[in-house]
Amino acid sequence: MEELRSGSRESRRARGTVSRGQCRILHLNIWQFSSEQSLVSWRPVEEAKWRAVPKLGPEWMCKWSVDERGYWVVLTDGCALWGEARSASSIQDKAEEWASCIEAEVQKLSSLVLQDLGQMSVKAHWQGREQVVLHVSSTLMDLAYRWEFDMKRLCDELVC
């Protein structure tokens, strides 16, 4: 923790760490979030690296985890957390909306889309502080696509 407090805010960002206000969310406990009537373990996200989302502003960070079951993504402004979990079948269905010929494995497809979250044009549509929908537009295999991340506010009690 001391390493996070040393150096300027910019140097911490450059090292892949976050500002002091975000220190409280670096170590997520094992927590769960209800998505589509089932509880999904967010444990894989705990170890993920925080990444800047510069298109939303300097304070915005996200981290994610991807495996054969789908992806989990967490977004923060340093004061609150929002998250989305998407199953492998949901990812395939979404991919088929913009290109029925896409047969990439879920992990590879998810990783490409999540990387675009920090690098491409991201637009945020707020519904109070309880929900934010992020719209990402990019190309994949020379096909234009749009992806929506439906981020729901996560309870503060879930963060240690």
C-alpha atoms as a PDB file:
ATOM      1  CA  MET A   1       0.000   0.000   0.000  1.00  0.00           C
ATOM      2  CA  GLU A   2       2.848   2.376   0.733  1.00  0.00           C
ATOM      3  CA  GLU A   3       3.991   2.123  -2.886  1.00  0.00           C
ATOM      4  CA  LEU A   4       0.606   3.446  -3.991  1.00  0.00           C
ATOM      5  CA  ARG A   5       0.929   6.500  -1.795  1.00  0.00           C
ATOM      6  CA  SER A   6       4.413   7.412  -3.020  1.00  0.00           C
ATOM      7  CA  GLY A   7       4.993   9.463  -6.160  1.00  0.00           C
ATOM      8  CA  SER A   8       2.719  11.731  -8.114  1.00  0.00           C
ATOM      9  CA  ARG A   9      -0.718  10.743  -9.364  1.00  0.00           C
ATOM     10  CA  GLU A  10       0.628  10.666 -12.938  1.00  0.00           C
ATOM     11  CA  SER A  11       3.546   8.395 -12.030  1.00  0.00           C
ATOM     12  CA  ARG A  12       1.188   6.017 -10.208  1.00  0.00           C
ATOM     13  CA  ARG A  13      -0.994   5.880 -13.315  1.00  0.00           C
ATOM     14  CA  ALA A  14       2.040   5.201 -15.487  1.00  0.00           C
ATOM     15  CA  ARG A  15       3.000   2.280 -13.202  1.00  0.00           C
ATOM     16  CA  GLY A  16      -0.505   0.812 -13.534  1.00  0.00           C
ATOM     17  CA  THR A  17      -1.611   1.754 -10.017  1.00  0.00           C
ATOM     18  CA  VAL A  18      -4.405   4.079  -9.020  1.00  0.00           C
ATOM     19  CA  SER A  19      -4.913   7.260  -7.062  1.00  0.00           C
ATOM     20  CA  ARG A  20      -5.136   7.307  -3.278  1.00  0.00           C
ATOM     21  CA  GLY A  21      -8.928   7.634  -3.393  1.00  0.00           C
ATOM     22  CA  GLN A  22      -9.050   4.357  -5.248  1.00  0.00           C
ATOM     23  CA  CYS A  23      -6.763   2.420  -2.876  1.00  0.00           C
ATOM     24  CA  ARG A  24      -9.763   1.073  -1.007  1.00  0.00           C
ATOM     25  CA  ILE A  25     -10.889  -0.846  -4.061  1.00  0.00           C
ATOM     26  CA  LEU A  26      -7.577  -2.455  -4.991  1.00  0.00           C
ATOM     27  CA  HIS A  27      -8.185  -5.518  -2.877  1.00  0.00           C
ATOM     28  CA  LEU A  28     -11.627  -6.861  -3.623  1.00  0.00           C
ATOM     29  CA  ASN A  29     -12.921  -9.547  -1.329  1.00  0.00           C
ATOM     30  CA  ILE A  30     -14.632 -12.540  -2.815  1.00  0.00           C
ATOM     31  CA  TRP A  31     -17.899 -10.920  -3.657  1.00  0.00           C
ATOM     32  CA  GLN A  32     -20.893 -11.844  -5.688  1.00  0.00           C
ATOM     33  CA  PHE A  33     -23.221  -9.968  -7.947  1.00  0.00           C
ATOM     34  CA  SER A  34     -26.607 -11.105  -9.202  1.00  0.00           C
ATOM     35  CA  SER A  35     -26.785 -11.282 -12.985  1.00  0.00           C
ATOM     36  CA  GLU A  36     -29.633 -12.876 -14.937  1.00  0.00           C
ATOM     37  CA  GLN A  37     -31.089 -14.670 -11.876  1.00  0.00           C
ATOM     38  CA  SER A  38     -27.838 -16.477 -11.047  1.00  0.00           C
ATOM     39  CA  LEU A  39     -24.988 -15.613  -8.707  1.00  0.00           C
ATOM     40  CA  VAL A  40     -21.679 -15.218 -10.459  1.00  0.00           C
ATOM     41  CA  SER A  41     -18.387 -15.348  -8.578  1.00  0.00           C
ATOM     42  CA  TRP A  42     -16.255 -12.296  -9.243  1.00  0.00           C
ATOM     43  CA  ARG A  43     -13.114 -13.877  -7.797  1.00  0.00           C
ATOM     44  CA  PRO A  44     -11.217 -13.815 -11.135  1.00  0.00           C
ATOM     45  CA  VAL A  45     -11.424 -10.004 -11.216  1.00  0.00           C
ATOM     46  CA  GLU A  46      -9.613  -9.659  -7.879  1.00  0.00           C
ATOM     47  CA  GLU A  47      -6.190 -10.319  -9.397  1.00  0.00           C
ATOM     48  CA  ALA A  48      -6.715  -8.280 -12.571  1.00  0.00           C
ATOM     49  CA  LYS A  49      -4.719  -5.120 -13.219  1.00  0.00           C
ATOM     50  CA  TRP A  50      -6.452  -1.727 -13.109  1.00  0.00           C
ATOM     51  CA  ARG A  51      -6.394   0.075 -16.470  1.00  0.00           C
ATOM     52  CA  ALA A  52      -7.171   3.671 -17.320  1.00  0.00           C
ATOM     53  CA  VAL A  53     -10.258   4.563 -19.364  1.00  0.00           C
ATOM     54  CA  PRO A  54      -9.031   7.944 -20.635  1.00  0.00           C
ATOM     55  CA  LYS A  55     -12.043   8.597 -22.859  1.00  0.00           C
ATOM     56  CA  LEU A  56     -14.213   8.879 -19.730  1.00  0.00           C
ATOM     57  CA  GLY A  57     -11.789  11.120 -17.816  1.00  0.00           C
ATOM     58  CA  PRO A  58      -8.559  10.870 -15.810  1.00  0.00           C
ATOM     59  CA  GLU A  59     -10.160   9.326 -12.707  1.00  0.00           C
ATOM     60  CA  TRP A  60     -11.814   6.387 -14.494  1.00  0.00           C
ATOM     61  CA  MET A  61     -10.287   2.916 -14.199  1.00  0.00           C
ATOM     62  CA  CYS A  62     -11.488  -0.562 -15.104  1.00  0.00           C
ATOM     63  CA  LYS A  63     -10.343  -4.138 -14.727  1.00  0.00           C
ATOM     64  CA  TRP A  64     -11.641  -7.399 -16.058  1.00  0.00           C
ATOM     65  CA  SER A  65     -11.246 -11.125 -16.229  1.00  0.00           C
ATOM     66  CA  VAL A  66     -12.078 -13.464 -19.106  1.00  0.00           C
ATOM     67  CA  ASP A  67     -12.368 -17.236 -19.255  1.00  0.00           C
ATOM     68  CA  GLU A  68     -14.380 -19.890 -21.099  1.00  0.00           C
ATOM     69  CA  ARG A  69     -17.467 -19.017 -19.015  1.00  0.00           C
ATOM     70  CA  GLY A  70     -17.540 -15.356 -20.101  1.00  0.00           C
ATOM     71  CA  TYR A  71     -16.213 -12.084 -18.738  1.00  0.00           C
ATOM     72  CA  TRP A  72     -16.451  -9.894 -15.642  1.00  0.00           C
ATOM     73  CA  VAL A  73     -15.642  -6.188 -15.837  1.00  0.00           C
ATOM     74  CA  VAL A  74     -15.510  -3.584 -13.047  1.00  0.00           C
ATOM     75  CA  LEU A  75     -15.450   0.197 -13.591  1.00  0.00           C
ATOM     76  CA  THR A  76     -14.682   2.873 -10.999  1.00  0.00           C
ATOM     77  CA  ASP A  77     -14.431   6.631 -10.693  1.00  0.00           C
ATOM     78  CA  GLY A  78     -12.658   6.267  -7.343  1.00  0.00           C
ATOM     79  CA  CYS A  79     -15.880   6.737  -5.379  1.00  0.00           C
ATOM     80  CA  ALA A  80     -18.090   3.870  -6.551  1.00  0.00           C
ATOM     81  CA  LEU A  81     -17.942   0.610  -8.487  1.00  0.00           C
ATOM     82  CA  TRP A  82     -20.037  -0.594 -11.405  1.00  0.00           C
ATOM     83  CA  GLY A  83     -19.858  -4.097 -12.839  1.00  0.00           C
ATOM     84  CA  GLU A  84     -21.074  -6.343 -15.609  1.00  0.00           C
ATOM     85  CA  ALA A  85     -20.844 -10.113 -15.956  1.00  0.00           C
ATOM     86  CA  ARG A  86     -21.613 -11.654 -19.325  1.00  0.00           C
ATOM     87  CA  SER A  87     -21.859 -15.382 -20.022  1.00  0.00           C
ATOM     88  CA  ALA A  88     -20.158 -17.103 -22.951  1.00  0.00           C
ATOM     89  CA  SER A  89     -23.492 -17.694 -24.691  1.00  0.00           C
ATOM     90  CA  SER A  90     -24.432 -14.033 -24.280  1.00  0.00           C
ATOM     91  CA  ILE A  91     -21.101 -12.977 -25.810  1.00  0.00           C
ATOM     92  CA  GLN A  92     -21.622 -15.279 -28.799  1.00  0.00           C
ATOM     93  CA  ASP A  93     -25.180 -13.991 -29.276  1.00  0.00           C
ATOM     94  CA  LYS A  94     -23.981 -10.382 -29.173  1.00  0.00           C
ATOM     95  CA  ALA A  95     -21.157 -11.101 -31.631  1.00  0.00           C
ATOM     96  CA  GLU A  96     -23.594 -12.728 -34.054  1.00  0.00           C
ATOM     97  CA  GLU A  97     -25.677  -9.535 -34.071  1.00  0.00           C
ATOM     98  CA  TRP A  98     -22.937  -7.735 -35.970  1.00  0.00           C
ATOM     99  CA  ALA A  99     -21.320 -10.637 -37.838  1.00  0.00           C
ATOM    100  CA  SER A 100     -22.846 -14.077 -38.154  1.00  0.00           C
ATOM    101  CA  CYS A 101     -19.538 -15.394 -39.518  1.00  0.00           C
ATOM    102  CA  ILE A 102     -17.686 -14.718 -36.246  1.00  0.00           C
ATOM    103  CA  GLU A 103     -16.553 -18.022 -34.806  1.00  0.00           C
ATOM    104  CA  ALA A 104     -13.784 -16.834 -32.528  1.00  0.00           C
ATOM    105  CA  GLU A 105     -13.558 -18.452 -29.143  1.00  0.00           C
ATOM    106  CA  VAL A 106     -15.279 -16.535 -26.371  1.00  0.00           C
ATOM    107  CA  GLN A 107     -12.082 -15.704 -24.490  1.00  0.00           C
ATOM    108  CA  LYS A 108     -10.382 -14.212 -27.536  1.00  0.00           C
ATOM    109  CA  LEU A 109     -13.439 -12.239 -28.601  1.00  0.00           C
ATOM    110  CA  SER A 110     -14.049 -10.935 -25.068  1.00  0.00           C
ATOM    111  CA  SER A 111     -10.424  -9.906 -24.644  1.00  0.00           C
ATOM    112  CA  LEU A 112     -10.466  -7.925 -27.889  1.00  0.00           C
ATOM    113  CA  VAL A 113     -13.677  -6.105 -26.971  1.00  0.00           C
ATOM    114  CA  LEU A 114     -12.518  -5.365 -23.407  1.00  0.00           C
ATOM    115  CA  GLN A 115      -9.187  -3.988 -24.627  1.00  0.00           C
ATOM    116  CA  ASP A 116     -11.119  -1.563 -26.822  1.00  0.00           C
ATOM    117  CA  LEU A 117     -12.795  -0.234 -23.675  1.00  0.00           C
ATOM    118  CA  GLY A 118      -9.600   1.600 -22.750  1.00  0.00           C
ATOM    119  CA  GLN A 119      -8.381   2.423 -26.237  1.00  0.00           C
ATOM    120  CA  MET A 120     -11.323   3.328 -28.436  1.00  0.00           C
ATOM    121  CA  SER A 121     -14.129   5.822 -28.496  1.00  0.00           C
ATOM    122  CA  VAL A 122     -16.247   5.138 -25.425  1.00  0.00           C
ATOM    123  CA  LYS A 123     -19.488   6.973 -24.768  1.00  0.00           C
ATOM    124  CA  ALA A 124     -21.211   6.785 -21.391  1.00  0.00           C
ATOM    125  CA  HIS A 125     -24.952   7.124 -20.809  1.00  0.00           C
ATOM    126  CA  TRP A 126     -25.844   7.527 -17.138  1.00  0.00           C
ATOM    127  CA  GLN A 127     -29.060   6.471 -15.460  1.00  0.00           C
ATOM    128  CA  GLY A 128     -28.533   8.198 -12.145  1.00  0.00           C
ATOM    129  CA  ARG A 129     -25.547   6.818 -10.233  1.00  0.00           C
ATOM    130  CA  GLU A 130     -27.008   3.307 -10.248  1.00  0.00           C
ATOM    131  CA  GLN A 131     -26.266   2.359 -13.839  1.00  0.00           C
ATOM    132  CA  VAL A 132     -24.033   3.418 -16.712  1.00  0.00           C
ATOM    133  CA  VAL A 133     -24.137   2.006 -20.226  1.00  0.00           C
ATOM    134  CA  LEU A 134     -20.831   2.227 -22.069  1.00  0.00           C
ATOM    135  CA  HIS A 135     -20.956   2.197 -25.865  1.00  0.00           C
ATOM    136  CA  VAL A 136     -17.784   1.074 -27.644  1.00  0.00           C
ATOM    137  CA  SER A 137     -17.387   1.267 -31.423  1.00  0.00           C
ATOM    138  CA  SER A 138     -14.474  -0.308 -33.263  1.00  0.00           C
ATOM    139  CA  THR A 139     -13.592  -2.900 -35.888  1.00  0.00           C
ATOM    140  CA  LEU A 140     -12.780  -6.561 -35.559  1.00  0.00           C
ATOM    141  CA  MET A 141     -11.492  -8.553 -38.531  1.00  0.00           C
ATOM    142  CA  ASP A 142     -12.365  -5.571 -40.768  1.00  0.00           C
ATOM    143  CA  LEU A 143     -15.969  -5.591 -39.547  1.00  0.00           C
ATOM    144  CA  ALA A 144     -17.372  -2.593 -37.704  1.00  0.00           C
ATOM    145  CA  TYR A 145     -19.030  -3.410 -34.402  1.00  0.00           C
ATOM    146  CA  ARG A 146     -20.704  -1.745 -31.447  1.00  0.00           C
ATOM    147  CA  TRP A 147     -20.629  -3.237 -27.964  1.00  0.00           C
ATOM    148  CA  GLU A 148     -22.610  -2.136 -24.943  1.00  0.00           C
ATOM    149  CA  PHE A 149     -21.456  -2.680 -21.391  1.00  0.00           C
ATOM    150  CA  ASP A 150     -24.442  -2.448 -19.040  1.00  0.00           C
ATOM    151  CA  MET A 151     -22.690  -1.550 -15.786  1.00  0.00           C
ATOM    152  CA  LYS A 152     -24.760  -1.792 -12.597  1.00  0.00           C
ATOM    153  CA  ARG A 153     -23.726  -0.097  -9.346  1.00  0.00           C
ATOM    154  CA  LEU A 154     -22.132  -2.541  -6.917  1.00  0.00           C
ATOM    155  CA  CYS A 155     -22.800  -2.263  -3.194  1.00  0.00           C
ATOM    156  CA  ASP A 156     -20.155  -0.447  -1.162  1.00  0.00           C
ATOM    157  CA  GLU A 157     -20.236  -3.308   1.363  1.00  0.00           C
ATOM    158  CA  LEU A 158     -18.738  -5.578  -1.283  1.00  0.00           C
ATOM    159  CA  VAL A 159     -15.504  -3.615  -1.225  1.00  0.00           C
ATOM    160  CA  CYS A 160     -12.935  -3.945   1.543  1.00  0.00           C
END
